Amino acid sequence: MPKLQQIVGFRVGRENFGVPIGIVHEIVPLMDITAVPDSPDYIEGVINLRGKIIPIVDLRKRFGETVVPTRRNRIVVSELNGHLVGLVVDAANEVLKIDPEQIEPPPSVMEQGELNYVSGVAKMGNQLVIMIDLSKIMQRGELRRLSDFAEATGALGAAQSLQSE
């Protein structure tokens, strides 16, 4: 029997998405986000999560969905290229166990341009879960700039707290 793949499932709009459990650090409720000047509209800013400055990407905006804040909104804190990044989603579901044979490669129309972040489509009963590759959601320059900003903000915060002691 093939080993089941564990996926963290979440919703954006009416669609179900999933990422491998291995890259997800935690899921937290939506919290205050500090805006980052001159960033793309889907980059909300940064949060301070237990002393770590984490950049926040709103997947709802990134996917062109209407953003309606609710109590179910969550931040999925994931690791991307060695950096933590938070993803704002409409709701985070439980961990899904999917037979790899139920995951099909993305349709060829999704392999180009803006939809190249789809790594596969999993069939779970009568619903589909769109598997996404987080590294392809953001352009490399944006992620690097945001990570640099988060590191600089973290260093600035540490320096300010040392000065106040």
C-alpha atoms as a PDB file:
ATOM      1  CA  MET A   1       0.000   0.000   0.000  1.00  0.00           C
ATOM      2  CA  PRO A   2       1.438   3.412  -0.950  1.00  0.00           C
ATOM      3  CA  LYS A   3       2.346   5.786   1.848  1.00  0.00           C
ATOM      4  CA  LEU A   4      -0.295   8.471   2.316  1.00  0.00           C
ATOM      5  CA  GLN A   5       0.838  12.024   1.736  1.00  0.00           C
ATOM      6  CA  GLN A   6      -0.052  14.463   4.536  1.00  0.00           C
ATOM      7  CA  ILE A   7      -1.339  17.822   3.352  1.00  0.00           C
ATOM      8  CA  VAL A   8      -2.441  20.895   5.293  1.00  0.00           C
ATOM      9  CA  GLY A   9      -5.700  21.904   3.666  1.00  0.00           C
ATOM     10  CA  PHE A  10      -7.098  25.426   3.570  1.00  0.00           C
ATOM     11  CA  ARG A  11      -9.734  27.442   1.763  1.00  0.00           C
ATOM     12  CA  VAL A  12      -9.366  30.554  -0.330  1.00  0.00           C
ATOM     13  CA  GLY A  13     -12.704  31.688  -1.658  1.00  0.00           C
ATOM     14  CA  ARG A  14     -14.705  28.579  -2.556  1.00  0.00           C
ATOM     15  CA  GLU A  15     -11.670  26.484  -3.452  1.00  0.00           C
ATOM     16  CA  ASN A  16      -9.690  23.973  -1.413  1.00  0.00           C
ATOM     17  CA  PHE A  17      -5.907  24.174  -1.518  1.00  0.00           C
ATOM     18  CA  GLY A  18      -3.165  22.129   0.083  1.00  0.00           C
ATOM     19  CA  VAL A  19       0.533  22.281   0.890  1.00  0.00           C
ATOM     20  CA  PRO A  20       2.796  19.507   2.237  1.00  0.00           C
ATOM     21  CA  ILE A  21       2.639  19.272   6.027  1.00  0.00           C
ATOM     22  CA  GLY A  22       6.445  19.323   6.199  1.00  0.00           C
ATOM     23  CA  ILE A  23       6.657  23.023   5.293  1.00  0.00           C
ATOM     24  CA  VAL A  24       3.931  24.211   7.690  1.00  0.00           C
ATOM     25  CA  HIS A  25       5.201  25.377  11.077  1.00  0.00           C
ATOM     26  CA  GLU A  26       1.877  26.395  12.605  1.00  0.00           C
ATOM     27  CA  ILE A  27      -1.533  27.905  11.977  1.00  0.00           C
ATOM     28  CA  VAL A  28      -2.469  30.992  13.987  1.00  0.00           C
ATOM     29  CA  PRO A  29      -5.498  33.281  14.134  1.00  0.00           C
ATOM     30  CA  LEU A  30      -5.300  36.514  12.136  1.00  0.00           C
ATOM     31  CA  MET A  31      -3.453  39.188  14.115  1.00  0.00           C
ATOM     32  CA  ASP A  32      -2.300  42.775  13.675  1.00  0.00           C
ATOM     33  CA  ILE A  33      -0.135  43.128  10.586  1.00  0.00           C
ATOM     34  CA  THR A  34       2.345  45.999  10.123  1.00  0.00           C
ATOM     35  CA  ALA A  35       2.229  47.302   6.553  1.00  0.00           C
ATOM     36  CA  VAL A  36       5.358  47.276   4.366  1.00  0.00           C
ATOM     37  CA  PRO A  37       5.678  50.366   2.138  1.00  0.00           C
ATOM     38  CA  ASP A  38       5.886  49.891  -1.642  1.00  0.00           C
ATOM     39  CA  SER A  39       5.027  46.189  -1.586  1.00  0.00           C
ATOM     40  CA  PRO A  40       2.601  44.475  -3.991  1.00  0.00           C
ATOM     41  CA  ASP A  41      -1.019  44.688  -2.806  1.00  0.00           C
ATOM     42  CA  TYR A  42      -1.139  41.012  -1.825  1.00  0.00           C
ATOM     43  CA  ILE A  43       1.804  41.421   0.563  1.00  0.00           C
ATOM     44  CA  GLU A  44       0.096  42.577   3.735  1.00  0.00           C
ATOM     45  CA  GLY A  45       3.246  43.334   5.721  1.00  0.00           C
ATOM     46  CA  VAL A  46       4.877  41.636   8.692  1.00  0.00           C
ATOM     47  CA  ILE A  47       3.856  40.219  12.073  1.00  0.00           C
ATOM     48  CA  ASN A  48       5.819  39.640  15.257  1.00  0.00           C
ATOM     49  CA  LEU A  49       5.163  36.028  16.219  1.00  0.00           C
ATOM     50  CA  ARG A  50       6.845  35.231  19.530  1.00  0.00           C
ATOM     51  CA  GLY A  51       9.809  37.449  18.698  1.00  0.00           C
ATOM     52  CA  LYS A  52      10.163  36.407  15.046  1.00  0.00           C
ATOM     53  CA  ILE A  53       9.325  38.908  12.326  1.00  0.00           C
ATOM     54  CA  ILE A  54       7.386  37.048   9.624  1.00  0.00           C
ATOM     55  CA  PRO A  55       6.292  38.473   6.256  1.00  0.00           C
ATOM     56  CA  ILE A  56       2.590  38.001   5.466  1.00  0.00           C
ATOM     57  CA  VAL A  57       1.121  37.239   2.034  1.00  0.00           C
ATOM     58  CA  ASP A  58      -2.650  37.392   1.591  1.00  0.00           C
ATOM     59  CA  LEU A  59      -3.389  34.419  -0.667  1.00  0.00           C
ATOM     60  CA  ARG A  60      -6.937  35.725  -1.121  1.00  0.00           C
ATOM     61  CA  LYS A  61      -5.580  38.848  -2.845  1.00  0.00           C
ATOM     62  CA  ARG A  62      -2.860  36.872  -4.647  1.00  0.00           C
ATOM     63  CA  PHE A  63      -5.544  34.631  -6.154  1.00  0.00           C
ATOM     64  CA  GLY A  64      -7.803  37.579  -7.022  1.00  0.00           C
ATOM     65  CA  GLU A  65     -10.503  36.757  -4.455  1.00  0.00           C
ATOM     66  CA  THR A  66     -12.644  39.300  -2.655  1.00  0.00           C
ATOM     67  CA  VAL A  67     -11.286  39.735   0.858  1.00  0.00           C
ATOM     68  CA  VAL A  68     -13.985  39.442   3.512  1.00  0.00           C
ATOM     69  CA  PRO A  69     -12.486  39.325   7.017  1.00  0.00           C
ATOM     70  CA  THR A  70     -14.084  36.705   9.290  1.00  0.00           C
ATOM     71  CA  ARG A  71     -13.209  35.027  12.574  1.00  0.00           C
ATOM     72  CA  ARG A  72     -12.272  31.897  10.592  1.00  0.00           C
ATOM     73  CA  ASN A  73      -9.386  33.640   8.770  1.00  0.00           C
ATOM     74  CA  ARG A  74      -6.031  32.115   9.637  1.00  0.00           C
ATOM     75  CA  ILE A  75      -2.348  32.654   8.998  1.00  0.00           C
ATOM     76  CA  VAL A  76      -0.601  29.492   7.822  1.00  0.00           C
ATOM     77  CA  VAL A  77       3.048  29.967   8.839  1.00  0.00           C
ATOM     78  CA  SER A  78       5.193  28.037   6.361  1.00  0.00           C
ATOM     79  CA  GLU A  79       8.836  27.707   5.478  1.00  0.00           C
ATOM     80  CA  LEU A  80       9.809  28.881   2.023  1.00  0.00           C
ATOM     81  CA  ASN A  81      13.418  28.773   0.830  1.00  0.00           C
ATOM     82  CA  GLY A  82      14.691  28.779   4.417  1.00  0.00           C
ATOM     83  CA  HIS A  83      12.493  31.716   5.490  1.00  0.00           C
ATOM     84  CA  LEU A  84       9.207  31.730   7.368  1.00  0.00           C
ATOM     85  CA  VAL A  85       6.280  33.338   5.569  1.00  0.00           C
ATOM     86  CA  GLY A  86       2.681  33.674   6.732  1.00  0.00           C
ATOM     87  CA  LEU A  87      -0.199  33.044   4.340  1.00  0.00           C
ATOM     88  CA  VAL A  88      -3.578  34.619   5.062  1.00  0.00           C
ATOM     89  CA  VAL A  89      -6.354  32.180   4.107  1.00  0.00           C
ATOM     90  CA  ASP A  90     -10.132  32.164   4.568  1.00  0.00           C
ATOM     91  CA  ALA A  91     -10.038  29.035   6.737  1.00  0.00           C
ATOM     92  CA  ALA A  92      -7.536  26.293   7.548  1.00  0.00           C
ATOM     93  CA  ASN A  93      -8.831  22.726   7.538  1.00  0.00           C
ATOM     94  CA  GLU A  94      -7.491  19.634   9.162  1.00  0.00           C
ATOM     95  CA  VAL A  95      -4.531  17.657   7.940  1.00  0.00           C
ATOM     96  CA  LEU A  96      -5.604  15.637   4.911  1.00  0.00           C
ATOM     97  CA  LYS A  97      -4.156  12.215   4.141  1.00  0.00           C
ATOM     98  CA  ILE A  98      -4.052  11.687   0.412  1.00  0.00           C
ATOM     99  CA  ASP A  99      -3.011   8.632  -1.565  1.00  0.00           C
ATOM    100  CA  PRO A 100      -0.332   9.887  -4.014  1.00  0.00           C
ATOM    101  CA  GLU A 101      -2.171   7.974  -6.755  1.00  0.00           C
ATOM    102  CA  GLN A 102      -5.116  10.373  -6.254  1.00  0.00           C
ATOM    103  CA  ILE A 103      -2.929  13.390  -7.134  1.00  0.00           C
ATOM    104  CA  GLU A 104      -2.818  14.206 -10.819  1.00  0.00           C
ATOM    105  CA  PRO A 105      -0.366  16.586 -12.477  1.00  0.00           C
ATOM    106  CA  PRO A 106      -1.803  20.033 -13.176  1.00  0.00           C
ATOM    107  CA  PRO A 107      -3.592  20.505 -16.507  1.00  0.00           C
ATOM    108  CA  SER A 108      -1.145  21.869 -19.080  1.00  0.00           C
ATOM    109  CA  VAL A 109      -2.946  25.233 -19.152  1.00  0.00           C
ATOM    110  CA  MET A 110      -1.820  25.745 -15.526  1.00  0.00           C
ATOM    111  CA  GLU A 111       1.859  25.139 -16.201  1.00  0.00           C
ATOM    112  CA  GLN A 112       2.356  28.503 -17.819  1.00  0.00           C
ATOM    113  CA  GLY A 113       2.429  32.079 -16.529  1.00  0.00           C
ATOM    114  CA  GLU A 114       0.365  33.050 -13.509  1.00  0.00           C
ATOM    115  CA  LEU A 115      -0.951  29.564 -12.727  1.00  0.00           C
ATOM    116  CA  ASN A 116       2.417  27.797 -12.625  1.00  0.00           C
ATOM    117  CA  TYR A 117       2.132  27.521  -8.822  1.00  0.00           C
ATOM    118  CA  VAL A 118      -0.296  24.586  -9.161  1.00  0.00           C
ATOM    119  CA  SER A 119       1.758  21.435  -8.558  1.00  0.00           C
ATOM    120  CA  GLY A 120      -1.120  18.968  -8.798  1.00  0.00           C
ATOM    121  CA  VAL A 121      -4.803  18.340  -8.222  1.00  0.00           C
ATOM    122  CA  ALA A 122      -5.902  15.796  -5.613  1.00  0.00           C
ATOM    123  CA  LYS A 123      -9.223  13.992  -5.870  1.00  0.00           C
ATOM    124  CA  MET A 124     -10.830  13.503  -2.469  1.00  0.00           C
ATOM    125  CA  GLY A 125     -14.242  11.967  -2.868  1.00  0.00           C
ATOM    126  CA  ASN A 126     -16.316  14.436  -4.867  1.00  0.00           C
ATOM    127  CA  GLN A 127     -14.092  17.441  -4.182  1.00  0.00           C
ATOM    128  CA  LEU A 128     -10.771  18.608  -5.586  1.00  0.00           C
ATOM    129  CA  VAL A 129      -7.825  19.961  -3.615  1.00  0.00           C
ATOM    130  CA  ILE A 130      -5.442  22.167  -5.583  1.00  0.00           C
ATOM    131  CA  MET A 131      -1.882  21.425  -4.506  1.00  0.00           C
ATOM    132  CA  ILE A 132       0.303  24.521  -4.581  1.00  0.00           C
ATOM    133  CA  ASP A 133       4.034  25.151  -4.718  1.00  0.00           C
ATOM    134  CA  LEU A 134       4.600  28.135  -2.444  1.00  0.00           C
ATOM    135  CA  SER A 135       7.949  28.985  -3.998  1.00  0.00           C
ATOM    136  CA  LYS A 136       6.144  29.764  -7.256  1.00  0.00           C
ATOM    137  CA  ILE A 137       3.447  31.924  -5.638  1.00  0.00           C
ATOM    138  CA  MET A 138       5.873  34.762  -5.118  1.00  0.00           C
ATOM    139  CA  GLN A 139       8.474  36.135  -7.470  1.00  0.00           C
ATOM    140  CA  ARG A 140      11.959  35.550  -6.097  1.00  0.00           C
ATOM    141  CA  GLY A 141      12.732  39.276  -5.829  1.00  0.00           C
ATOM    142  CA  GLU A 142       9.590  39.953  -3.813  1.00  0.00           C
ATOM    143  CA  LEU A 143      10.350  37.197  -1.327  1.00  0.00           C
ATOM    144  CA  ARG A 144      13.964  38.271  -0.953  1.00  0.00           C
ATOM    145  CA  ARG A 145      12.965  41.922  -0.469  1.00  0.00           C
ATOM    146  CA  LEU A 146      10.299  40.971   2.061  1.00  0.00           C
ATOM    147  CA  SER A 147      12.687  38.669   3.957  1.00  0.00           C
ATOM    148  CA  ASP A 148      15.327  41.416   4.015  1.00  0.00           C
ATOM    149  CA  PHE A 149      12.713  43.839   5.347  1.00  0.00           C
ATOM    150  CA  ALA A 150      11.605  41.344   8.020  1.00  0.00           C
ATOM    151  CA  GLU A 151      15.218  40.751   9.094  1.00  0.00           C
ATOM    152  CA  ALA A 152      15.933  44.500   9.206  1.00  0.00           C
ATOM    153  CA  THR A 153      12.731  45.089  11.194  1.00  0.00           C
ATOM    154  CA  GLY A 154      13.693  42.315  13.608  1.00  0.00           C
ATOM    155  CA  ALA A 155      17.198  43.781  14.056  1.00  0.00           C
ATOM    156  CA  LEU A 156      15.723  47.249  14.555  1.00  0.00           C
ATOM    157  CA  GLY A 157      13.283  45.942  17.162  1.00  0.00           C
ATOM    158  CA  ALA A 158      16.092  44.148  19.005  1.00  0.00           C
ATOM    159  CA  ALA A 159      18.239  47.298  18.980  1.00  0.00           C
ATOM    160  CA  GLN A 160      15.324  49.400  20.270  1.00  0.00           C
ATOM    161  CA  SER A 161      14.599  46.954  23.092  1.00  0.00           C
ATOM    162  CA  LEU A 162      18.283  46.970  24.100  1.00  0.00           C
ATOM    163  CA  GLN A 163      18.271  50.788  24.191  1.00  0.00           C
ATOM    164  CA  SER A 164      15.199  50.839  26.413  1.00  0.00           C
ATOM    165  CA  GLU A 165      16.775  48.489  28.991  1.00  0.00           C
END
